[in-house]
Amino acid sequence: MKDEEMMMQEDDDLVVLEDEEGNATEFQFLELVTVDEKPYAILLPTEDDDDLGVVIVEVVNIGEDSEHYDAVTDDALNDRIFEQFKKEFGDKYDFAD
């Protein structure tokens, strides 16, 4: 997914992202982590999708009550963000090796 946008927020833990082709996917918001002073949301698809796995998006504020999610396409940055997530929340989630 590239340049996802938050379409709607049904409750505090669910977000629906739409890709550039208009395909919508529902995610559970897991946590927010900060890397290099930028906030990143860790999202998990609500439906079993082995191809998708955890999705990491940068949270970009675009107004007082509005935000935009940008896909993290840099693999090295994606790895750093996920390592920070595991470091901060390793006691809360079970990470399979």
Protein backbone atom coordinates (compact mmCIF):
# COMPACT_ATOMS: atom_id res chain seq x y z
CA MET A 1 0.00 0.00 0.00
CA LYS A 2 1.28 3.45 -0.81
CA ASP A 3 0.00 6.82 0.37
CA GLU A 4 -2.84 5.40 2.43
CA GLU A 5 -5.38 7.76 3.91
CA MET A 6 -7.55 7.23 6.93
CA MET A 7 -11.10 6.98 5.61
CA MET A 8 -12.96 6.67 8.87
CA GLN A 9 -12.47 5.72 12.46
CA GLU A 10 -15.23 3.48 13.76
CA ASP A 11 -13.89 3.39 17.32
CA ASP A 12 -10.62 4.09 19.09
CA ASP A 13 -8.94 0.90 17.89
CA LEU A 14 -10.17 0.49 14.30
CA VAL A 15 -9.15 2.43 11.22
CA VAL A 16 -9.95 1.87 7.57
CA LEU A 17 -7.23 2.71 5.06
CA GLU A 18 -7.81 3.17 1.38
CA ASP A 19 -5.01 2.64 -1.15
CA GLU A 20 -4.48 4.60 -4.37
CA GLU A 21 -6.77 2.16 -6.23
CA GLY A 22 -9.66 2.72 -3.83
CA ASN A 23 -9.37 -0.64 -2.05
CA ALA A 24 -10.32 -0.35 1.62
CA THR A 25 -8.80 -2.48 4.39
CA GLU A 26 -9.76 -2.42 8.06
CA PHE A 27 -6.98 -2.43 10.65
CA GLN A 28 -6.71 -2.63 14.40
CA PHE A 29 -4.54 0.15 15.79
CA LEU A 30 -1.95 -1.51 18.04
CA GLU A 31 0.42 1.21 19.21
CA LEU A 32 2.07 4.48 18.33
CA VAL A 33 5.88 4.61 18.36
CA THR A 34 8.25 7.50 17.74
CA VAL A 35 11.41 7.14 15.68
CA ASP A 36 13.55 10.13 14.69
CA GLU A 37 10.94 12.39 16.32
CA LYS A 38 8.21 11.19 13.93
CA PRO A 39 5.12 9.24 15.05
CA TYR A 40 4.35 5.89 13.42
CA ALA A 41 1.21 3.80 13.86
CA ILE A 42 1.51 0.03 14.07
CA LEU A 43 -1.57 -1.52 12.46
CA LEU A 44 -2.80 -5.10 12.16
CA PRO A 45 -5.39 -6.18 9.57
CA THR A 46 -8.63 -7.30 11.20
CA GLU A 47 -9.08 -10.06 8.62
CA ASP A 48 -6.57 -12.89 8.28
CA ASP A 49 -4.29 -11.79 5.48
CA ASP A 50 -1.00 -13.68 5.51
CA ASP A 51 0.36 -11.48 2.71
CA LEU A 52 -0.21 -8.23 4.59
CA GLY A 53 1.01 -8.77 8.17
CA VAL A 54 1.68 -5.75 10.37
CA VAL A 55 1.52 -2.42 8.55
CA ILE A 56 3.53 0.61 9.67
CA VAL A 57 2.42 4.09 8.60
CA GLU A 58 3.71 7.55 9.43
CA VAL A 59 1.08 9.70 11.12
CA VAL A 60 0.99 13.16 9.54
CA ASN A 61 -1.22 15.79 11.15
CA ILE A 62 -3.01 17.85 8.51
CA GLY A 63 -5.34 19.84 10.71
CA GLU A 64 -6.66 20.24 14.21
CA ASP A 65 -8.64 16.97 14.23
CA SER A 66 -7.37 15.35 11.06
CA GLU A 67 -4.46 13.15 10.17
CA HIS A 68 -3.09 11.39 7.12
CA TYR A 69 -1.19 8.11 7.08
CA ASP A 70 1.79 7.72 4.74
CA ALA A 71 3.12 4.26 3.97
CA VAL A 72 6.68 3.54 5.11
CA THR A 73 8.37 2.28 1.95
CA ASP A 74 11.99 2.33 3.16
CA ASP A 75 12.75 -1.23 4.35
CA ALA A 76 15.55 -0.12 6.69
CA LEU A 77 13.29 2.47 8.34
CA ASN A 78 10.47 -0.05 8.54
CA ASP A 79 12.82 -2.45 10.36
CA ARG A 80 13.95 0.28 12.79
CA ILE A 81 10.37 1.21 13.60
CA PHE A 82 9.39 -2.41 14.16
CA GLU A 83 12.43 -2.98 16.41
CA GLN A 84 11.43 0.08 18.45
CA PHE A 85 7.88 -1.29 18.68
CA LYS A 86 9.21 -4.64 19.96
CA LYS A 87 11.50 -2.88 22.44
CA GLU A 88 8.71 -0.69 23.86
CA PHE A 89 5.88 -3.24 23.79
CA GLY A 90 7.61 -6.63 23.91
CA ASP A 91 5.95 -7.46 27.20
CA LYS A 92 2.49 -6.73 25.77
CA TYR A 93 2.65 -8.68 22.48
CA ASP A 94 3.90 -12.13 21.49
CA PHE A 95 6.42 -11.81 18.64
CA ALA A 96 6.91 -15.05 16.71
CA ASP A 97 10.41 -15.49 15.34
